[in-house]
Amino acid sequence: MITSGVYPVFENKFKIGTATDTKVSIADLETFSVSMDNNVEEWTPMDTEGWIRRLMTGKAFTISLSGKRNVGDAGNDFVAGLSWKTGQNVTVPFEWEFPNGDKLAFSAVINVTTPGGGDSTNVDALEFDAMSDGKPTYTPKPTE
């Protein structure tokens, strides 16, 4: 486990909840990116002489993941199966473990964007977004 310094991206781990209190990894993920969506209120009171004041009033994030479709892997099959569902059926527990051992657990709306496809000589694709739904729980690595 990495505790300081630089690290390779593959040290990040992602798990998805397929049943109550059961989280499994998702095989054959290749890339991920994180985007933050922050709500910032702005106002210009008279006493700041034209200078804007700001306050962050809300946050959300999306983790976009892409990889290969791996039939038979519990996590990969579960994500692929969400392609055809809607509503509460696509809101599931999700967890991101950082290379230093910290964890971010949250309820995620799973938006499958590519349930398969590619050239005839490609390996079938699986791409999806894990979109935060509510406040996440950030847990630092337990101290030893």
N, C-alpha and C. Protein backbone atom coordinates (compact mmCIF):
# COMPACT_ATOMS: atom_id res chain seq x y z
N MET A 1 0.84 -1.17 0.00
CA MET A 1 0.00 0.00 0.00
C MET A 1 0.90 1.25 0.00
N ILE A 2 0.56 2.18 -0.84
CA ILE A 2 1.36 3.39 -0.97
C ILE A 2 0.96 4.39 0.11
N THR A 3 1.96 4.96 0.79
CA THR A 3 1.65 5.92 1.84
C THR A 3 2.12 7.33 1.50
N SER A 4 3.05 7.45 0.55
CA SER A 4 3.49 8.78 0.12
C SER A 4 4.15 8.66 -1.24
N GLY A 5 4.36 9.81 -1.90
CA GLY A 5 5.00 9.83 -3.21
C GLY A 5 4.02 9.60 -4.34
N VAL A 6 4.57 9.46 -5.53
CA VAL A 6 3.74 9.23 -6.71
C VAL A 6 3.36 7.76 -6.80
N TYR A 7 2.35 7.46 -7.60
CA TYR A 7 1.88 6.08 -7.70
C TYR A 7 1.25 5.86 -9.07
N PRO A 8 1.21 4.61 -9.53
CA PRO A 8 0.54 4.32 -10.80
C PRO A 8 -0.99 4.33 -10.61
N VAL A 9 -1.69 4.68 -11.65
CA VAL A 9 -3.15 4.78 -11.59
C VAL A 9 -3.78 3.44 -11.21
N PHE A 10 -3.18 2.32 -11.60
CA PHE A 10 -3.79 1.03 -11.31
C PHE A 10 -3.87 0.71 -9.82
N GLU A 11 -3.26 1.53 -8.97
CA GLU A 11 -3.35 1.33 -7.51
C GLU A 11 -4.72 1.73 -6.97
N ASN A 12 -5.54 2.45 -7.75
CA ASN A 12 -6.91 2.79 -7.35
C ASN A 12 -7.79 1.56 -7.52
N LYS A 13 -8.72 1.36 -6.58
CA LYS A 13 -9.60 0.20 -6.64
C LYS A 13 -11.05 0.66 -6.56
N PHE A 14 -11.90 0.01 -7.35
CA PHE A 14 -13.31 0.34 -7.36
C PHE A 14 -14.13 -0.91 -7.08
N LYS A 15 -15.17 -0.75 -6.23
CA LYS A 15 -16.08 -1.84 -5.92
C LYS A 15 -17.51 -1.36 -6.06
N ILE A 16 -18.38 -2.29 -6.43
CA ILE A 16 -19.80 -1.97 -6.60
C ILE A 16 -20.63 -2.93 -5.76
N GLY A 17 -21.71 -2.42 -5.20
CA GLY A 17 -22.60 -3.23 -4.37
C GLY A 17 -23.59 -3.98 -5.22
N THR A 18 -23.49 -5.31 -5.20
CA THR A 18 -24.42 -6.14 -5.98
C THR A 18 -25.55 -6.68 -5.13
N ALA A 19 -25.37 -6.67 -3.82
CA ALA A 19 -26.41 -7.12 -2.88
C ALA A 19 -26.16 -6.39 -1.56
N THR A 20 -27.06 -6.55 -0.61
CA THR A 20 -26.91 -5.88 0.68
C THR A 20 -25.57 -6.23 1.31
N ASP A 21 -24.80 -5.20 1.62
CA ASP A 21 -23.50 -5.35 2.29
C ASP A 21 -22.48 -6.17 1.51
N THR A 22 -22.69 -6.41 0.24
CA THR A 22 -21.73 -7.14 -0.57
C THR A 22 -21.22 -6.24 -1.69
N LYS A 23 -19.91 -5.96 -1.67
CA LYS A 23 -19.30 -5.16 -2.73
C LYS A 23 -18.25 -6.01 -3.41
N VAL A 24 -18.24 -5.96 -4.74
CA VAL A 24 -17.27 -6.74 -5.51
C VAL A 24 -16.50 -5.80 -6.43
N SER A 25 -15.28 -6.21 -6.78
CA SER A 25 -14.50 -5.43 -7.74
C SER A 25 -15.07 -5.66 -9.15
N ILE A 26 -14.66 -4.81 -10.07
CA ILE A 26 -15.13 -4.89 -11.45
C ILE A 26 -13.91 -5.19 -12.32
N ALA A 27 -13.90 -6.37 -12.92
CA ALA A 27 -12.74 -6.82 -13.70
C ALA A 27 -12.58 -6.01 -14.99
N ASP A 28 -11.35 -5.88 -15.41
CA ASP A 28 -10.95 -5.35 -16.71
C ASP A 28 -11.27 -3.88 -16.94
N LEU A 29 -11.31 -3.09 -15.87
CA LEU A 29 -11.39 -1.64 -16.05
C LEU A 29 -10.02 -1.14 -16.48
N GLU A 30 -9.98 -0.19 -17.41
CA GLU A 30 -8.72 0.31 -17.93
C GLU A 30 -8.44 1.76 -17.57
N THR A 31 -9.48 2.60 -17.60
CA THR A 31 -9.27 4.02 -17.33
C THR A 31 -10.40 4.56 -16.46
N PHE A 32 -10.08 5.66 -15.76
CA PHE A 32 -11.13 6.38 -15.05
C PHE A 32 -10.75 7.85 -14.98
N SER A 33 -11.78 8.67 -14.84
CA SER A 33 -11.57 10.11 -14.63
C SER A 33 -12.66 10.58 -13.68
N VAL A 34 -12.33 11.64 -12.94
CA VAL A 34 -13.26 12.18 -11.97
C VAL A 34 -13.58 13.62 -12.34
N SER A 35 -14.85 13.97 -12.32
CA SER A 35 -15.23 15.36 -12.54
C SER A 35 -16.09 15.82 -11.37
N MET A 36 -15.81 17.03 -10.91
CA MET A 36 -16.55 17.62 -9.80
C MET A 36 -17.55 18.63 -10.33
N ASP A 37 -18.71 18.67 -9.73
CA ASP A 37 -19.75 19.63 -10.06
C ASP A 37 -20.05 20.39 -8.77
N ASN A 38 -19.55 21.61 -8.69
CA ASN A 38 -19.69 22.40 -7.47
C ASN A 38 -20.66 23.56 -7.68
N ASN A 39 -21.53 23.78 -6.72
CA ASN A 39 -22.44 24.92 -6.77
C ASN A 39 -21.82 26.06 -5.97
N VAL A 40 -21.63 27.19 -6.62
CA VAL A 40 -21.05 28.35 -5.94
C VAL A 40 -22.01 29.53 -6.10
N GLU A 41 -22.46 30.04 -4.97
CA GLU A 41 -23.31 31.24 -4.96
C GLU A 41 -22.39 32.46 -4.98
N GLU A 42 -22.78 33.47 -5.73
CA GLU A 42 -22.02 34.73 -5.79
C GLU A 42 -22.94 35.89 -5.46
N TRP A 43 -22.42 36.89 -4.77
CA TRP A 43 -23.15 38.11 -4.50
C TRP A 43 -22.17 39.25 -4.35
N THR A 44 -22.65 40.44 -4.57
CA THR A 44 -21.80 41.62 -4.48
C THR A 44 -22.43 42.63 -3.53
N PRO A 45 -22.05 42.56 -2.25
CA PRO A 45 -22.60 43.51 -1.29
C PRO A 45 -21.97 44.90 -1.46
N MET A 46 -22.66 45.88 -1.01
CA MET A 46 -22.18 47.26 -1.17
C MET A 46 -20.86 47.49 -0.43
N ASP A 47 -20.66 46.83 0.72
CA ASP A 47 -19.46 47.11 1.51
C ASP A 47 -18.18 46.47 0.95
N THR A 48 -18.28 45.68 -0.15
CA THR A 48 -17.06 45.13 -0.75
C THR A 48 -16.58 45.96 -1.94
N GLU A 49 -17.24 47.10 -2.17
CA GLU A 49 -16.84 48.05 -3.21
C GLU A 49 -16.67 47.40 -4.58
N GLY A 50 -17.64 46.54 -4.94
CA GLY A 50 -17.64 45.91 -6.25
C GLY A 50 -16.98 44.55 -6.32
N TRP A 51 -16.33 44.16 -5.25
CA TRP A 51 -15.68 42.84 -5.23
C TRP A 51 -16.71 41.77 -4.89
N ILE A 52 -16.70 40.65 -5.65
CA ILE A 52 -17.67 39.57 -5.49
C ILE A 52 -17.31 38.69 -4.30
N ARG A 53 -18.32 38.31 -3.54
CA ARG A 53 -18.18 37.31 -2.48
C ARG A 53 -18.69 35.98 -3.03
N ARG A 54 -18.19 34.88 -2.50
CA ARG A 54 -18.59 33.56 -2.97
C ARG A 54 -18.67 32.58 -1.81
N LEU A 55 -19.58 31.60 -1.98
CA LEU A 55 -19.70 30.52 -1.00
C LEU A 55 -20.10 29.25 -1.75
N MET A 56 -19.32 28.17 -1.54
CA MET A 56 -19.68 26.89 -2.13
C MET A 56 -20.84 26.30 -1.33
N THR A 57 -21.96 26.05 -2.02
CA THR A 57 -23.17 25.61 -1.34
C THR A 57 -23.58 24.18 -1.70
N GLY A 58 -22.87 23.55 -2.60
CA GLY A 58 -23.23 22.19 -2.98
C GLY A 58 -22.12 21.52 -3.77
N LYS A 59 -22.11 20.19 -3.74
CA LYS A 59 -21.11 19.42 -4.46
C LYS A 59 -21.72 18.14 -5.01
N ALA A 60 -21.14 17.68 -6.09
CA ALA A 60 -21.45 16.36 -6.66
C ALA A 60 -20.24 15.95 -7.46
N PHE A 61 -20.14 14.67 -7.78
CA PHE A 61 -19.04 14.21 -8.60
C PHE A 61 -19.47 13.01 -9.43
N THR A 62 -18.72 12.79 -10.50
CA THR A 62 -18.94 11.65 -11.38
C THR A 62 -17.60 10.98 -11.63
N ILE A 63 -17.56 9.68 -11.48
CA ILE A 63 -16.39 8.89 -11.85
C ILE A 63 -16.74 8.16 -13.13
N SER A 64 -16.04 8.48 -14.21
CA SER A 64 -16.27 7.82 -15.50
C SER A 64 -15.24 6.70 -15.64
N LEU A 65 -15.72 5.48 -15.87
CA LEU A 65 -14.84 4.31 -15.96
C LEU A 65 -15.04 3.61 -17.30
N SER A 66 -13.97 3.09 -17.84
CA SER A 66 -14.09 2.35 -19.09
C SER A 66 -13.16 1.15 -19.06
N GLY A 67 -13.58 0.11 -19.74
CA GLY A 67 -12.79 -1.10 -19.80
C GLY A 67 -13.39 -2.07 -20.79
N LYS A 68 -13.17 -3.33 -20.52
CA LYS A 68 -13.63 -4.39 -21.41
C LYS A 68 -14.76 -5.17 -20.74
N ARG A 69 -15.66 -5.68 -21.56
CA ARG A 69 -16.76 -6.51 -21.07
C ARG A 69 -16.19 -7.88 -20.74
N ASN A 70 -16.36 -8.31 -19.50
CA ASN A 70 -15.84 -9.59 -19.03
C ASN A 70 -17.01 -10.41 -18.51
N VAL A 71 -17.56 -11.26 -19.37
CA VAL A 71 -18.70 -12.09 -19.01
C VAL A 71 -18.25 -13.14 -18.00
N GLY A 72 -18.96 -13.21 -16.89
CA GLY A 72 -18.64 -14.17 -15.84
C GLY A 72 -18.04 -13.52 -14.61
N ASP A 73 -17.54 -12.27 -14.73
CA ASP A 73 -17.06 -11.55 -13.56
C ASP A 73 -18.28 -10.91 -12.89
N ALA A 74 -18.43 -11.11 -11.59
CA ALA A 74 -19.63 -10.64 -10.88
C ALA A 74 -19.83 -9.13 -11.00
N GLY A 75 -18.77 -8.34 -10.81
CA GLY A 75 -18.90 -6.89 -10.90
C GLY A 75 -19.17 -6.41 -12.31
N ASN A 76 -18.45 -6.96 -13.26
CA ASN A 76 -18.61 -6.58 -14.66
C ASN A 76 -20.01 -6.96 -15.15
N ASP A 77 -20.46 -8.17 -14.81
CA ASP A 77 -21.81 -8.61 -15.21
C ASP A 77 -22.88 -7.72 -14.58
N PHE A 78 -22.69 -7.35 -13.31
CA PHE A 78 -23.67 -6.51 -12.63
C PHE A 78 -23.81 -5.16 -13.31
N VAL A 79 -22.67 -4.51 -13.61
CA VAL A 79 -22.71 -3.21 -14.29
C VAL A 79 -23.40 -3.35 -15.64
N ALA A 80 -23.00 -4.33 -16.42
CA ALA A 80 -23.60 -4.52 -17.75
C ALA A 80 -25.10 -4.74 -17.65
N GLY A 81 -25.54 -5.45 -16.61
CA GLY A 81 -26.97 -5.71 -16.43
C GLY A 81 -27.78 -4.47 -16.10
N LEU A 82 -27.12 -3.42 -15.59
CA LEU A 82 -27.82 -2.18 -15.28
C LEU A 82 -28.14 -1.36 -16.54
N SER A 83 -27.58 -1.76 -17.66
CA SER A 83 -27.81 -1.05 -18.93
C SER A 83 -29.29 -0.88 -19.26
N TRP A 84 -30.08 -1.83 -18.87
CA TRP A 84 -31.48 -1.86 -19.30
C TRP A 84 -32.45 -1.53 -18.18
N LYS A 85 -31.92 -0.99 -17.07
CA LYS A 85 -32.76 -0.66 -15.93
C LYS A 85 -32.85 0.86 -15.73
N THR A 86 -33.82 1.29 -14.93
CA THR A 86 -34.01 2.71 -14.64
C THR A 86 -34.39 2.89 -13.17
N GLY A 87 -34.57 4.14 -12.77
CA GLY A 87 -35.06 4.45 -11.43
C GLY A 87 -34.13 3.99 -10.34
N GLN A 88 -34.70 3.57 -9.20
CA GLN A 88 -33.91 3.13 -8.05
C GLN A 88 -33.11 1.86 -8.35
N ASN A 89 -33.45 1.17 -9.43
CA ASN A 89 -32.74 -0.06 -9.79
C ASN A 89 -31.29 0.19 -10.22
N VAL A 90 -30.95 1.44 -10.53
CA VAL A 90 -29.57 1.74 -10.95
C VAL A 90 -28.82 2.56 -9.90
N THR A 91 -29.39 2.71 -8.72
CA THR A 91 -28.72 3.39 -7.61
C THR A 91 -28.20 2.32 -6.66
N VAL A 92 -26.87 2.24 -6.55
CA VAL A 92 -26.24 1.15 -5.81
C VAL A 92 -25.07 1.68 -4.98
N PRO A 93 -24.63 0.91 -3.98
CA PRO A 93 -23.44 1.30 -3.23
C PRO A 93 -22.19 1.21 -4.12
N PHE A 94 -21.28 2.17 -3.96
CA PHE A 94 -20.05 2.20 -4.74
C PHE A 94 -18.91 2.63 -3.82
N GLU A 95 -17.72 2.14 -4.09
CA GLU A 95 -16.58 2.46 -3.23
C GLU A 95 -15.32 2.67 -4.07
N TRP A 96 -14.58 3.71 -3.72
CA TRP A 96 -13.29 4.00 -4.35
C TRP A 96 -12.24 3.92 -3.25
N GLU A 97 -11.29 3.00 -3.40
CA GLU A 97 -10.18 2.90 -2.46
C GLU A 97 -8.96 3.54 -3.11
N PHE A 98 -8.41 4.53 -2.42
CA PHE A 98 -7.25 5.26 -2.92
C PHE A 98 -5.97 4.46 -2.64
N PRO A 99 -4.90 4.76 -3.38
CA PRO A 99 -3.64 4.03 -3.18
C PRO A 99 -3.09 4.07 -1.76
N ASN A 100 -3.44 5.09 -0.99
CA ASN A 100 -2.92 5.18 0.39
C ASN A 100 -3.82 4.45 1.40
N GLY A 101 -4.91 3.84 0.93
CA GLY A 101 -5.81 3.09 1.82
C GLY A 101 -7.05 3.84 2.24
N ASP A 102 -7.13 5.15 1.96
CA ASP A 102 -8.36 5.89 2.25
C ASP A 102 -9.48 5.36 1.36
N LYS A 103 -10.74 5.51 1.81
CA LYS A 103 -11.88 5.04 1.03
C LYS A 103 -12.95 6.11 0.93
N LEU A 104 -13.60 6.16 -0.21
CA LEU A 104 -14.76 7.02 -0.44
C LEU A 104 -15.92 6.11 -0.81
N ALA A 105 -16.91 6.03 0.08
CA ALA A 105 -18.08 5.19 -0.15
C ALA A 105 -19.27 6.09 -0.39
N PHE A 106 -20.10 5.73 -1.36
CA PHE A 106 -21.25 6.57 -1.69
C PHE A 106 -22.31 5.78 -2.43
N SER A 107 -23.49 6.34 -2.40
CA SER A 107 -24.58 5.82 -3.21
C SER A 107 -24.38 6.39 -4.61
N ALA A 108 -24.42 5.52 -5.63
CA ALA A 108 -24.13 5.97 -7.00
C ALA A 108 -25.25 5.59 -7.95
N VAL A 109 -25.58 6.53 -8.82
CA VAL A 109 -26.44 6.23 -9.95
C VAL A 109 -25.50 5.74 -11.05
N ILE A 110 -25.69 4.50 -11.49
CA ILE A 110 -24.82 3.92 -12.51
C ILE A 110 -25.43 4.16 -13.88
N ASN A 111 -24.74 4.98 -14.65
CA ASN A 111 -25.19 5.35 -15.99
C ASN A 111 -24.30 4.62 -17.00
N VAL A 112 -24.77 3.46 -17.48
CA VAL A 112 -23.99 2.69 -18.46
C VAL A 112 -24.09 3.41 -19.80
N THR A 113 -22.95 3.85 -20.31
CA THR A 113 -22.92 4.62 -21.56
C THR A 113 -22.54 3.76 -22.76
N THR A 114 -21.81 2.67 -22.54
CA THR A 114 -21.43 1.76 -23.62
C THR A 114 -21.50 0.33 -23.08
N PRO A 115 -22.60 -0.39 -23.35
CA PRO A 115 -22.72 -1.75 -22.85
C PRO A 115 -22.03 -2.78 -23.75
N GLY A 116 -21.37 -2.32 -24.79
CA GLY A 116 -20.69 -3.21 -25.72
C GLY A 116 -20.43 -2.46 -27.02
N GLY A 117 -19.65 -3.08 -27.87
CA GLY A 117 -19.42 -2.52 -29.19
C GLY A 117 -17.96 -2.37 -29.53
N GLY A 118 -17.71 -2.04 -30.80
CA GLY A 118 -16.35 -1.85 -31.30
C GLY A 118 -16.19 -2.53 -32.64
N ASP A 119 -14.98 -2.45 -33.18
CA ASP A 119 -14.66 -3.13 -34.43
C ASP A 119 -14.72 -4.64 -34.22
N SER A 120 -14.86 -5.39 -35.31
CA SER A 120 -14.98 -6.84 -35.20
C SER A 120 -13.76 -7.50 -34.58
N THR A 121 -12.61 -6.85 -34.63
CA THR A 121 -11.39 -7.43 -34.03
C THR A 121 -11.07 -6.84 -32.66
N ASN A 122 -11.94 -5.97 -32.13
CA ASN A 122 -11.75 -5.40 -30.79
C ASN A 122 -12.31 -6.35 -29.74
N VAL A 123 -11.88 -6.12 -28.50
CA VAL A 123 -12.51 -6.77 -27.35
C VAL A 123 -13.71 -5.91 -26.98
N ASP A 124 -14.84 -6.53 -26.70
CA ASP A 124 -16.08 -5.80 -26.40
C ASP A 124 -15.87 -4.81 -25.25
N ALA A 125 -16.49 -3.64 -25.35
CA ALA A 125 -16.30 -2.54 -24.39
C ALA A 125 -17.38 -2.53 -23.31
N LEU A 126 -17.02 -1.92 -22.17
CA LEU A 126 -17.98 -1.60 -21.11
C LEU A 126 -17.55 -0.26 -20.53
N GLU A 127 -18.43 0.74 -20.63
CA GLU A 127 -18.14 2.07 -20.11
C GLU A 127 -19.35 2.56 -19.32
N PHE A 128 -19.05 3.23 -18.18
CA PHE A 128 -20.15 3.72 -17.35
C PHE A 128 -19.68 4.86 -16.46
N ASP A 129 -20.66 5.62 -15.97
CA ASP A 129 -20.42 6.69 -15.01
C ASP A 129 -21.03 6.27 -13.67
N ALA A 130 -20.26 6.47 -12.60
CA ALA A 130 -20.78 6.30 -11.24
C ALA A 130 -21.00 7.72 -10.72
N MET A 131 -22.27 8.15 -10.68
CA MET A 131 -22.63 9.52 -10.35
C MET A 131 -23.10 9.58 -8.90
N SER A 132 -22.45 10.44 -8.10
CA SER A 132 -22.79 10.51 -6.68
C SER A 132 -24.25 10.89 -6.48
N ASP A 133 -24.86 10.25 -5.47
CA ASP A 133 -26.25 10.52 -5.11
C ASP A 133 -26.26 10.77 -3.60
N GLY A 134 -26.12 12.03 -3.22
CA GLY A 134 -26.05 12.37 -1.80
C GLY A 134 -24.62 12.49 -1.32
N LYS A 135 -24.47 12.69 -0.03
CA LYS A 135 -23.17 12.92 0.58
C LYS A 135 -22.39 11.61 0.72
N PRO A 136 -21.14 11.59 0.26
CA PRO A 136 -20.32 10.38 0.42
C PRO A 136 -19.75 10.28 1.83
N THR A 137 -19.19 9.13 2.14
CA THR A 137 -18.49 8.90 3.41
C THR A 137 -17.01 8.71 3.09
N TYR A 138 -16.17 9.62 3.58
CA TYR A 138 -14.73 9.52 3.37
C TYR A 138 -14.11 8.95 4.64
N THR A 139 -13.39 7.84 4.50
CA THR A 139 -12.77 7.17 5.64
C THR A 139 -11.26 7.09 5.43
N PRO A 140 -10.50 7.78 6.26
CA PRO A 140 -9.04 7.67 6.15
C PRO A 140 -8.59 6.26 6.49
N LYS A 141 -7.45 5.88 5.94
CA LYS A 141 -6.85 4.58 6.22
C LYS A 141 -6.67 4.44 7.74
N PRO A 142 -7.04 3.29 8.27
CA PRO A 142 -6.83 3.09 9.73
C PRO A 142 -5.34 3.20 10.07
N THR A 143 -5.05 3.87 11.17
CA THR A 143 -3.67 4.01 11.60
C THR A 143 -3.22 2.70 12.23
N GLU A 144 -1.96 2.41 12.03
CA GLU A 144 -1.42 1.13 12.52
C GLU A 144 -0.78 1.29 13.87
